[in-house]
Amino acid sequence: MFTGQENHDVTLVDAKQMTKAFRDQASTGAVLGHFFGKKALQKILDQEDCVGIRHYYGENKSGEPVLVLVGVTANGADMTGGVILELGFPCPPKCFGSSPLAND
């Protein structure tokens, strides 16, 4: 089902259009994205039989949107017995610089 070699590339133009479409319908101050560090993501990917990462949309106890990340096996199963991440840094407020994905 999955190999870990799937192509998910998009152009900057397409990415800007998608993120702008979201921002245009989002409420003022809405979370636009999350940052996860390389070491945390690598912990998921380094698990035996992991070929990729799936994210789920969630909400924390404060009612703020979050992403929950989990490893996925070749047959599409979530690796719920392994590393699961959520503590990403939301943007805003953890946005730095001027990204065309967050500002154009």
PDB file of N, CA and C in Angstrom:
ATOM      1  N   MET A   1       0.821  -1.188   0.000  1.00  0.00           N
ATOM      2  CA  MET A   1       0.000   0.000   0.000  1.00  0.00           C
ATOM      3  C   MET A   1       0.872   1.261   0.000  1.00  0.00           C
ATOM      4  N   PHE A   2       1.817   1.381   0.940  1.00  0.00           N
ATOM      5  CA  PHE A   2       2.747   2.507   0.985  1.00  0.00           C
ATOM      6  C   PHE A   2       4.170   1.978   0.918  1.00  0.00           C
ATOM      7  N   THR A   3       5.059   2.764   0.327  1.00  0.00           N
ATOM      8  CA  THR A   3       6.453   2.341   0.235  1.00  0.00           C
ATOM      9  C   THR A   3       7.400   3.274   0.969  1.00  0.00           C
ATOM     10  N   GLY A   4       6.951   4.495   1.242  1.00  0.00           N
ATOM     11  CA  GLY A   4       7.837   5.508   1.787  1.00  0.00           C
ATOM     12  C   GLY A   4       8.495   6.319   0.686  1.00  0.00           C
ATOM     13  N   GLN A   5       8.244   5.945  -0.567  1.00  0.00           N
ATOM     14  CA  GLN A   5       8.833   6.653  -1.718  1.00  0.00           C
ATOM     15  C   GLN A   5       7.804   7.502  -2.458  1.00  0.00           C
ATOM     16  N   GLU A   6       6.615   7.674  -1.901  1.00  0.00           N
ATOM     17  CA  GLU A   6       5.561   8.446  -2.553  1.00  0.00           C
ATOM     18  C   GLU A   6       6.011   9.899  -2.736  1.00  0.00           C
ATOM     19  N   ASN A   7       5.580  10.488  -3.839  1.00  0.00           N
ATOM     20  CA  ASN A   7       5.941  11.876  -4.139  1.00  0.00           C
ATOM     21  C   ASN A   7       4.833  12.805  -3.658  1.00  0.00           C
ATOM     22  N   HIS A   8       5.200  13.747  -2.804  1.00  0.00           N
ATOM     23  CA  HIS A   8       4.240  14.707  -2.261  1.00  0.00           C
ATOM     24  C   HIS A   8       4.613  16.135  -2.624  1.00  0.00           C
ATOM     25  N   ASP A   9       5.506  16.324  -3.585  1.00  0.00           N
ATOM     26  CA  ASP A   9       5.983  17.654  -3.957  1.00  0.00           C
ATOM     27  C   ASP A   9       4.862  18.491  -4.564  1.00  0.00           C
ATOM     28  N   VAL A  10       4.869  19.775  -4.210  1.00  0.00           N
ATOM     29  CA  VAL A  10       4.027  20.761  -4.875  1.00  0.00           C
ATOM     30  C   VAL A  10       4.902  21.968  -5.166  1.00  0.00           C
ATOM     31  N   THR A  11       4.477  22.780  -6.087  1.00  0.00           N
ATOM     32  CA  THR A  11       5.229  23.994  -6.391  1.00  0.00           C
ATOM     33  C   THR A  11       4.940  25.047  -5.325  1.00  0.00           C
ATOM     34  N   LEU A  12       5.820  26.038  -5.237  1.00  0.00           N
ATOM     35  CA  LEU A  12       5.583  27.147  -4.316  1.00  0.00           C
ATOM     36  C   LEU A  12       4.293  27.873  -4.684  1.00  0.00           C
ATOM     37  N   VAL A  13       4.040  28.026  -5.967  1.00  0.00           N
ATOM     38  CA  VAL A  13       2.811  28.694  -6.419  1.00  0.00           C
ATOM     39  C   VAL A  13       1.583  27.952  -5.891  1.00  0.00           C
ATOM     40  N   ASP A  14       1.560  26.630  -6.049  1.00  0.00           N
ATOM     41  CA  ASP A  14       0.429  25.832  -5.560  1.00  0.00           C
ATOM     42  C   ASP A  14       0.328  25.890  -4.040  1.00  0.00           C
ATOM     43  N   ALA A  15       1.453  25.786  -3.364  1.00  0.00           N
ATOM     44  CA  ALA A  15       1.458  25.831  -1.897  1.00  0.00           C
ATOM     45  C   ALA A  15       0.925  27.170  -1.397  1.00  0.00           C
ATOM     46  N   LYS A  16       1.333  28.265  -2.047  1.00  0.00           N
ATOM     47  CA  LYS A  16       0.846  29.598  -1.670  1.00  0.00           C
ATOM     48  C   LYS A  16      -0.662  29.703  -1.872  1.00  0.00           C
ATOM     49  N   GLN A  17      -1.160  29.153  -2.977  1.00  0.00           N
ATOM     50  CA  GLN A  17      -2.605  29.198  -3.239  1.00  0.00           C
ATOM     51  C   GLN A  17      -3.375  28.427  -2.169  1.00  0.00           C
ATOM     52  N   MET A  18      -2.866  27.264  -1.788  1.00  0.00           N
ATOM     53  CA  MET A  18      -3.550  26.443  -0.788  1.00  0.00           C
ATOM     54  C   MET A  18      -3.556  27.117   0.581  1.00  0.00           C
ATOM     55  N   THR A  19      -2.392  27.652   1.003  1.00  0.00           N
ATOM     56  CA  THR A  19      -2.339  28.273   2.323  1.00  0.00           C
ATOM     57  C   THR A  19      -3.121  29.578   2.358  1.00  0.00           C
ATOM     58  N   LYS A  20      -3.146  30.316   1.248  1.00  0.00           N
ATOM     59  CA  LYS A  20      -3.942  31.544   1.183  1.00  0.00           C
ATOM     60  C   LYS A  20      -5.428  31.216   1.262  1.00  0.00           C
ATOM     61  N   ALA A  21      -5.862  30.176   0.591  1.00  0.00           N
ATOM     62  CA  ALA A  21      -7.269  29.772   0.648  1.00  0.00           C
ATOM     63  C   ALA A  21      -7.679  29.466   2.090  1.00  0.00           C
ATOM     64  N   PHE A  22      -6.783  28.832   2.840  1.00  0.00           N
ATOM     65  CA  PHE A  22      -7.082  28.545   4.240  1.00  0.00           C
ATOM     66  C   PHE A  22      -7.141  29.834   5.046  1.00  0.00           C
ATOM     67  N   ARG A  23      -6.127  30.702   4.866  1.00  0.00           N
ATOM     68  CA  ARG A  23      -6.085  31.961   5.625  1.00  0.00           C
ATOM     69  C   ARG A  23      -7.303  32.828   5.332  1.00  0.00           C
ATOM     70  N   ASP A  24      -7.763  32.826   4.084  1.00  0.00           N
ATOM     71  CA  ASP A  24      -8.906  33.660   3.697  1.00  0.00           C
ATOM     72  C   ASP A  24     -10.189  33.270   4.424  1.00  0.00           C
ATOM     73  N   GLN A  25     -10.311  32.020   4.824  1.00  0.00           N
ATOM     74  CA  GLN A  25     -11.526  31.599   5.518  1.00  0.00           C
ATOM     75  C   GLN A  25     -11.323  31.437   7.025  1.00  0.00           C
ATOM     76  N   ALA A  26     -10.077  31.564   7.488  1.00  0.00           N
ATOM     77  CA  ALA A  26      -9.772  31.380   8.912  1.00  0.00           C
ATOM     78  C   ALA A  26     -10.113  32.634   9.708  1.00  0.00           C
ATOM     79  N   SER A  27     -10.422  32.443  10.963  1.00  0.00           N
ATOM     80  CA  SER A  27     -10.700  33.581  11.827  1.00  0.00           C
ATOM     81  C   SER A  27      -9.398  34.296  12.191  1.00  0.00           C
ATOM     82  N   THR A  28      -9.492  35.533  12.614  1.00  0.00           N
ATOM     83  CA  THR A  28      -8.331  36.322  13.005  1.00  0.00           C
ATOM     84  C   THR A  28      -7.582  35.616  14.127  1.00  0.00           C
ATOM     85  N   GLY A  29      -6.264  35.484  13.967  1.00  0.00           N
ATOM     86  CA  GLY A  29      -5.436  34.838  14.981  1.00  0.00           C
ATOM     87  C   GLY A  29      -5.436  33.318  14.924  1.00  0.00           C
ATOM     88  N   ALA A  30      -6.082  32.743  13.913  1.00  0.00           N
ATOM     89  CA  ALA A  30      -6.142  31.278  13.797  1.00  0.00           C
ATOM     90  C   ALA A  30      -4.744  30.695  13.639  1.00  0.00           C
ATOM     91  N   VAL A  31      -4.553  29.486  14.115  1.00  0.00           N
ATOM     92  CA  VAL A  31      -3.290  28.771  13.923  1.00  0.00           C
ATOM     93  C   VAL A  31      -3.169  28.415  12.451  1.00  0.00           C
ATOM     94  N   LEU A  32      -2.032  28.774  11.870  1.00  0.00           N
ATOM     95  CA  LEU A  32      -1.802  28.543  10.447  1.00  0.00           C
ATOM     96  C   LEU A  32      -0.931  27.328  10.183  1.00  0.00           C
ATOM     97  N   GLY A  33      -0.191  26.891  11.180  1.00  0.00           N
ATOM     98  CA  GLY A  33       0.704  25.751  11.013  1.00  0.00           C
ATOM     99  C   GLY A  33       1.344  25.382  12.331  1.00  0.00           C
ATOM    100  N   HIS A  34       2.164  24.366  12.302  1.00  0.00           N
ATOM    101  CA  HIS A  34       2.893  23.899  13.483  1.00  0.00           C
ATOM    102  C   HIS A  34       4.317  23.558  13.079  1.00  0.00           C
ATOM    103  N   PHE A  35       5.240  23.760  13.992  1.00  0.00           N
ATOM    104  CA  PHE A  35       6.632  23.366  13.790  1.00  0.00           C
ATOM    105  C   PHE A  35       6.926  22.136  14.625  1.00  0.00           C
ATOM    106  N   PHE A  36       7.572  21.139  14.004  1.00  0.00           N
ATOM    107  CA  PHE A  36       8.093  19.954  14.689  1.00  0.00           C
ATOM    108  C   PHE A  36       9.557  19.841  14.327  1.00  0.00           C
ATOM    109  N   GLY A  37      10.406  19.665  15.310  1.00  0.00           N
ATOM    110  CA  GLY A  37      11.834  19.558  15.077  1.00  0.00           C
ATOM    111  C   GLY A  37      12.234  18.262  14.391  1.00  0.00           C
ATOM    112  N   LYS A  38      13.366  18.315  13.731  1.00  0.00           N
ATOM    113  CA  LYS A  38      13.904  17.182  12.975  1.00  0.00           C
ATOM    114  C   LYS A  38      14.108  15.956  13.859  1.00  0.00           C
ATOM    115  N   LYS A  39      14.654  16.156  15.045  1.00  0.00           N
ATOM    116  CA  LYS A  39      14.929  15.016  15.932  1.00  0.00           C
ATOM    117  C   LYS A  39      13.639  14.300  16.317  1.00  0.00           C
ATOM    118  N   ALA A  40      12.591  15.059  16.588  1.00  0.00           N
ATOM    119  CA  ALA A  40      11.306  14.457  16.950  1.00  0.00           C
ATOM    120  C   ALA A  40      10.720  13.677  15.777  1.00  0.00           C
ATOM    121  N   LEU A  41      10.752  14.276  14.588  1.00  0.00           N
ATOM    122  CA  LEU A  41      10.241  13.586  13.404  1.00  0.00           C
ATOM    123  C   LEU A  41      11.064  12.339  13.088  1.00  0.00           C
ATOM    124  N   GLN A  42      12.375  12.438  13.258  1.00  0.00           N
ATOM    125  CA  GLN A  42      13.252  11.300  12.984  1.00  0.00           C
ATOM    126  C   GLN A  42      12.964  10.139  13.927  1.00  0.00           C
ATOM    127  N   LYS A  43      12.554  10.446  15.178  1.00  0.00           N
ATOM    128  CA  LYS A  43      12.192   9.376  16.123  1.00  0.00           C
ATOM    129  C   LYS A  43      11.042   8.545  15.582  1.00  0.00           C
ATOM    130  N   ILE A  44      10.095   9.189  14.941  1.00  0.00           N
ATOM    131  CA  ILE A  44       8.992   8.439  14.328  1.00  0.00           C
ATOM    132  C   ILE A  44       9.518   7.612  13.169  1.00  0.00           C
ATOM    133  N   LEU A  45      10.253   8.259  12.262  1.00  0.00           N
ATOM    134  CA  LEU A  45      10.712   7.587  11.041  1.00  0.00           C
ATOM    135  C   LEU A  45      11.695   6.454  11.309  1.00  0.00           C
ATOM    136  N   ASP A  46      12.455   6.532  12.402  1.00  0.00           N
ATOM    137  CA  ASP A  46      13.441   5.499  12.729  1.00  0.00           C
ATOM    138  C   ASP A  46      12.844   4.229  13.324  1.00  0.00           C
ATOM    139  N   GLN A  47      11.542   4.222  13.584  1.00  0.00           N
ATOM    140  CA  GLN A  47      10.911   3.024  14.125  1.00  0.00           C
ATOM    141  C   GLN A  47      10.920   1.905  13.080  1.00  0.00           C
ATOM    142  N   GLU A  48      11.143   0.693  13.545  1.00  0.00           N
ATOM    143  CA  GLU A  48      11.133  -0.463  12.652  1.00  0.00           C
ATOM    144  C   GLU A  48       9.784  -0.555  11.941  1.00  0.00           C
ATOM    145  N   ASP A  49       9.801  -0.783  10.652  1.00  0.00           N
ATOM    146  CA  ASP A  49       8.625  -0.935   9.782  1.00  0.00           C
ATOM    147  C   ASP A  49       7.913   0.379   9.454  1.00  0.00           C
ATOM    148  N   CYS A  50       8.436   1.515   9.882  1.00  0.00           N
ATOM    149  CA  CYS A  50       7.812   2.794   9.575  1.00  0.00           C
ATOM    150  C   CYS A  50       8.220   3.251   8.176  1.00  0.00           C
ATOM    151  N   VAL A  51       7.218   3.615   7.347  1.00  0.00           N
ATOM    152  CA  VAL A  51       7.506   4.107   5.997  1.00  0.00           C
ATOM    153  C   VAL A  51       7.053   5.554   5.809  1.00  0.00           C
ATOM    154  N   GLY A  52       6.439   6.141   6.829  1.00  0.00           N
ATOM    155  CA  GLY A  52       5.969   7.515   6.712  1.00  0.00           C
ATOM    156  C   GLY A  52       5.271   7.984   7.965  1.00  0.00           C
ATOM    157  N   ILE A  53       4.713   9.168   7.874  1.00  0.00           N
ATOM    158  CA  ILE A  53       4.036   9.807   9.006  1.00  0.00           C
ATOM    159  C   ILE A  53       2.630  10.214   8.583  1.00  0.00           C
ATOM    160  N   ARG A  54       1.674   9.940   9.452  1.00  0.00           N
ATOM    161  CA  ARG A  54       0.304  10.420   9.250  1.00  0.00           C
ATOM    162  C   ARG A  54       0.046  11.471  10.323  1.00  0.00           C
ATOM    163  N   HIS A  55      -0.672  12.524   9.944  1.00  0.00           N
ATOM    164  CA  HIS A  55      -1.070  13.485  10.965  1.00  0.00           C
ATOM    165  C   HIS A  55      -2.585  13.517  11.074  1.00  0.00           C
ATOM    166  N   TYR A  56      -3.020  13.735  12.292  1.00  0.00           N
ATOM    167  CA  TYR A  56      -4.438  13.885  12.594  1.00  0.00           C
ATOM    168  C   TYR A  56      -4.657  15.282  13.146  1.00  0.00           C
ATOM    169  N   TYR A  57      -5.774  15.877  12.812  1.00  0.00           N
ATOM    170  CA  TYR A  57      -6.160  17.153  13.393  1.00  0.00           C
ATOM    171  C   TYR A  57      -6.777  16.874  14.754  1.00  0.00           C
ATOM    172  N   GLY A  58      -6.417  17.692  15.717  1.00  0.00           N
ATOM    173  CA  GLY A  58      -6.954  17.514  17.056  1.00  0.00           C
ATOM    174  C   GLY A  58      -7.149  18.847  17.747  1.00  0.00           C
ATOM    175  N   GLU A  59      -7.518  18.759  19.004  1.00  0.00           N
ATOM    176  CA  GLU A  59      -7.738  19.944  19.821  1.00  0.00           C
ATOM    177  C   GLU A  59      -7.220  19.638  21.216  1.00  0.00           C
ATOM    178  N   ASN A  60      -6.422  20.553  21.776  1.00  0.00           N
ATOM    179  CA  ASN A  60      -5.892  20.319  23.114  1.00  0.00           C
ATOM    180  C   ASN A  60      -6.925  20.713  24.177  1.00  0.00           C
ATOM    181  N   LYS A  61      -6.563  20.568  25.444  1.00  0.00           N
ATOM    182  CA  LYS A  61      -7.494  20.842  26.539  1.00  0.00           C
ATOM    183  C   LYS A  61      -7.919  22.300  26.592  1.00  0.00           C
ATOM    184  N   SER A  62      -7.137  23.184  25.981  1.00  0.00           N
ATOM    185  CA  SER A  62      -7.487  24.608  25.937  1.00  0.00           C
ATOM    186  C   SER A  62      -8.350  24.954  24.730  1.00  0.00           C
ATOM    187  N   GLY A  63      -8.667  23.960  23.909  1.00  0.00           N
ATOM    188  CA  GLY A  63      -9.490  24.190  22.734  1.00  0.00           C
ATOM    189  C   GLY A  63      -8.715  24.680  21.526  1.00  0.00           C
ATOM    190  N   GLU A  64      -7.379  24.638  21.595  1.00  0.00           N
ATOM    191  CA  GLU A  64      -6.543  25.084  20.489  1.00  0.00           C
ATOM    192  C   GLU A  64      -6.290  23.938  19.513  1.00  0.00           C
ATOM    193  N   PRO A  65      -6.228  24.238  18.199  1.00  0.00           N
ATOM    194  CA  PRO A  65      -5.979  23.177  17.225  1.00  0.00           C
ATOM    195  C   PRO A  65      -4.548  22.644  17.347  1.00  0.00           C
ATOM    196  N   VAL A  66      -4.417  21.337  17.193  1.00  0.00           N
ATOM    197  CA  VAL A  66      -3.106  20.681  17.243  1.00  0.00           C
ATOM    198  C   VAL A  66      -3.028  19.650  16.129  1.00  0.00           C
ATOM    199  N   LEU A  67      -1.803  19.219  15.838  1.00  0.00           N
ATOM    200  CA  LEU A  67      -1.575  18.095  14.946  1.00  0.00           C
ATOM    201  C   LEU A  67      -1.029  16.952  15.791  1.00  0.00           C
ATOM    202  N   VAL A  68      -1.551  15.766  15.593  1.00  0.00           N
ATOM    203  CA  VAL A  68      -1.049  14.560  16.243  1.00  0.00           C
ATOM    204  C   VAL A  68      -0.374  13.739  15.152  1.00  0.00           C
ATOM    205  N   LEU A  69       0.913  13.418  15.344  1.00  0.00           N
ATOM    206  CA  LEU A  69       1.693  12.701  14.340  1.00  0.00           C
ATOM    207  C   LEU A  69       2.005  11.296  14.822  1.00  0.00           C
ATOM    208  N   VAL A  70       1.892  10.336  13.900  1.00  0.00           N
ATOM    209  CA  VAL A  70       2.141   8.934  14.225  1.00  0.00           C
ATOM    210  C   VAL A  70       2.790   8.261  13.017  1.00  0.00           C
ATOM    211  N   GLY A  71       3.656   7.301  13.272  1.00  0.00           N
ATOM    212  CA  GLY A  71       4.259   6.529  12.199  1.00  0.00           C
ATOM    213  C   GLY A  71       3.237   5.630  11.535  1.00  0.00           C
ATOM    214  N   VAL A  72       3.534   5.265  10.277  1.00  0.00           N
ATOM    215  CA  VAL A  72       2.633   4.418   9.491  1.00  0.00           C
ATOM    216  C   VAL A  72       3.448   3.308   8.830  1.00  0.00           C
ATOM    217  N   THR A  73       2.904   2.100   8.837  1.00  0.00           N
ATOM    218  CA  THR A  73       3.551   0.952   8.212  1.00  0.00           C
ATOM    219  C   THR A  73       3.185   0.867   6.736  1.00  0.00           C
ATOM    220  N   ALA A  74       3.849  -0.013   6.008  1.00  0.00           N
ATOM    221  CA  ALA A  74       3.605  -0.180   4.572  1.00  0.00           C
ATOM    222  C   ALA A  74       2.158  -0.558   4.275  1.00  0.00           C
ATOM    223  N   ASN A  75       1.500  -1.275   5.188  1.00  0.00           N
ATOM    224  CA  ASN A  75       0.108  -1.653   4.954  1.00  0.00           C
ATOM    225  C   ASN A  75      -0.880  -0.583   5.399  1.00  0.00           C
ATOM    226  N   GLY A  76      -0.357   0.598   5.814  1.00  0.00           N
ATOM    227  CA  GLY A  76      -1.220   1.730   6.151  1.00  0.00           C
ATOM    228  C   GLY A  76      -1.642   1.807   7.598  1.00  0.00           C
ATOM    229  N   ALA A  77      -1.111   0.922   8.445  1.00  0.00           N
ATOM    230  CA  ALA A  77      -1.506   0.907   9.851  1.00  0.00           C
ATOM    231  C   ALA A  77      -0.770   1.981  10.654  1.00  0.00           C
ATOM    232  N   ASP A  78      -1.501   2.662  11.527  1.00  0.00           N
ATOM    233  CA  ASP A  78      -0.884   3.599  12.455  1.00  0.00           C
ATOM    234  C   ASP A  78      -0.076   2.827  13.489  1.00  0.00           C
ATOM    235  N   MET A  79       1.105   3.334  13.793  1.00  0.00           N
ATOM    236  CA  MET A  79       1.993   2.685  14.766  1.00  0.00           C
ATOM    237  C   MET A  79       1.737   3.275  16.152  1.00  0.00           C
ATOM    238  N   THR A  80       0.540   3.015  16.669  1.00  0.00           N
ATOM    239  CA  THR A  80       0.113   3.624  17.924  1.00  0.00           C
ATOM    240  C   THR A  80       0.838   3.079  19.145  1.00  0.00           C
ATOM    241  N   GLY A  81       1.576   2.001  18.994  1.00  0.00           N
ATOM    242  CA  GLY A  81       2.371   1.468  20.090  1.00  0.00           C
ATOM    243  C   GLY A  81       3.761   2.093  20.156  1.00  0.00           C
ATOM    244  N   GLY A  82       4.031   3.032  19.252  1.00  0.00           N
ATOM    245  CA  GLY A  82       5.353   3.657  19.186  1.00  0.00           C
ATOM    246  C   GLY A  82       5.300   5.136  19.537  1.00  0.00           C
ATOM    247  N   VAL A  83       6.156   5.898  18.887  1.00  0.00           N
ATOM    248  CA  VAL A  83       6.274   7.333  19.139  1.00  0.00           C
ATOM    249  C   VAL A  83       5.074   8.064  18.541  1.00  0.00           C
ATOM    250  N   ILE A  84       4.440   8.895  19.351  1.00  0.00           N
ATOM    251  CA  ILE A  84       3.352   9.758  18.893  1.00  0.00           C
ATOM    252  C   ILE A  84       3.704  11.176  19.324  1.00  0.00           C
ATOM    253  N   LEU A  85       3.583  12.122  18.400  1.00  0.00           N
ATOM    254  CA  LEU A  85       3.939  13.512  18.687  1.00  0.00           C
ATOM    255  C   LEU A  85       2.721  14.412  18.648  1.00  0.00           C
ATOM    256  N   GLU A  86       2.726  15.444  19.488  1.00  0.00           N
ATOM    257  CA  GLU A  86       1.738  16.502  19.399  1.00  0.00           C
ATOM    258  C   GLU A  86       2.324  17.854  19.758  1.00  0.00           C
ATOM    259  N   LEU A  87       3.291  17.937  20.568  1.00  0.00           N
ATOM    260  CA  LEU A  87       3.725  19.208  21.118  1.00  0.00           C
ATOM    261  C   LEU A  87       4.460  20.086  20.111  1.00  0.00           C
ATOM    262  N   GLY A  88       3.834  20.287  18.952  1.00  0.00           N
ATOM    263  CA  GLY A  88       4.375  21.188  17.956  1.00  0.00           C
ATOM    264  C   GLY A  88       4.190  22.632  18.415  1.00  0.00           C
ATOM    265  N   PHE A  89       4.965  23.520  17.854  1.00  0.00           N
ATOM    266  CA  PHE A  89       4.856  24.933  18.187  1.00  0.00           C
ATOM    267  C   PHE A  89       3.935  25.597  17.171  1.00  0.00           C
ATOM    268  N   PRO A  90       2.811  26.165  17.606  1.00  0.00           N
ATOM    269  CA  PRO A  90       1.861  26.751  16.667  1.00  0.00           C
ATOM    270  C   PRO A  90       2.351  28.077  16.100  1.00  0.00           C
ATOM    271  N   CYS A  91       1.925  28.332  14.875  1.00  0.00           N
ATOM    272  CA  CYS A  91       2.219  29.586  14.176  1.00  0.00           C
ATOM    273  C   CYS A  91       0.885  30.198  13.766  1.00  0.00           C
ATOM    274  N   PRO A  92       0.498  31.371  14.247  1.00  0.00           N
ATOM    275  CA  PRO A  92       1.156  32.130  15.300  1.00  0.00           C
ATOM    276  C   PRO A  92       0.958  31.487  16.665  1.00  0.00           C
ATOM    277  N   PRO A  93       1.753  31.844  17.638  1.00  0.00           N
ATOM    278  CA  PRO A  93       2.698  32.949  17.703  1.00  0.00           C
ATOM    279  C   PRO A  93       4.131  32.567  17.327  1.00  0.00           C
ATOM    280  N   LYS A  94       4.437  31.282  17.188  1.00  0.00           N
ATOM    281  CA  LYS A  94       5.815  30.851  16.926  1.00  0.00           C
ATOM    282  C   LYS A  94       6.145  30.901  15.444  1.00  0.00           C
ATOM    283  N   CYS A  95       5.965  32.073  14.826  1.00  0.00           N
ATOM    284  CA  CYS A  95       6.316  32.300  13.432  1.00  0.00           C
ATOM    285  C   CYS A  95       7.499  33.254  13.394  1.00  0.00           C
ATOM    286  N   PHE A  96       8.457  32.938  12.570  1.00  0.00           N
ATOM    287  CA  PHE A  96       9.638  33.788  12.507  1.00  0.00           C
ATOM    288  C   PHE A  96       9.907  34.133  11.052  1.00  0.00           C
ATOM    289  N   GLY A  97      10.154  35.386  10.779  1.00  0.00           N
ATOM    290  CA  GLY A  97      10.436  35.799   9.416  1.00  0.00           C
ATOM    291  C   GLY A  97       9.164  35.976   8.623  1.00  0.00           C
ATOM    292  N   SER A  98       9.330  36.162   7.341  1.00  0.00           N
ATOM    293  CA  SER A  98       8.212  36.423   6.456  1.00  0.00           C
ATOM    294  C   SER A  98       8.144  35.322   5.412  1.00  0.00           C
ATOM    295  N   SER A  99       7.273  34.351   5.624  1.00  0.00           N
ATOM    296  CA  SER A  99       7.121  33.242   4.686  1.00  0.00           C
ATOM    297  C   SER A  99       5.989  33.534   3.716  1.00  0.00           C
ATOM    298  N   PRO A 100       6.183  33.272   2.416  1.00  0.00           N
ATOM    299  CA  PRO A 100       5.088  33.448   1.471  1.00  0.00           C
ATOM    300  C   PRO A 100       3.946  32.451   1.721  1.00  0.00           C
ATOM    301  N   LEU A 101       4.196  31.434   2.536  1.00  0.00           N
ATOM    302  CA  LEU A 101       3.130  30.486   2.861  1.00  0.00           C
ATOM    303  C   LEU A 101       2.241  30.995   3.987  1.00  0.00           C
ATOM    304  N   ALA A 102       2.697  32.002   4.704  1.00  0.00           N
ATOM    305  CA  ALA A 102       1.919  32.533   5.818  1.00  0.00           C
ATOM    306  C   ALA A 102       1.488  33.976   5.611  1.00  0.00           C
ATOM    307  N   ASN A 103       2.038  34.650   4.626  1.00  0.00           N
ATOM    308  CA  ASN A 103       1.799  36.079   4.515  1.00  0.00           C
ATOM    309  C   ASN A 103       1.314  36.585   3.170  1.00  0.00           C
ATOM    310  N   ASP A 104       1.512  35.871   2.093  1.00  0.00           N
ATOM    311  CA  ASP A 104       1.126  36.398   0.764  1.00  0.00           C
ATOM    312  C   ASP A 104      -0.331  36.179   0.489  1.00  0.00           C
TER     313      ASP A 104
END
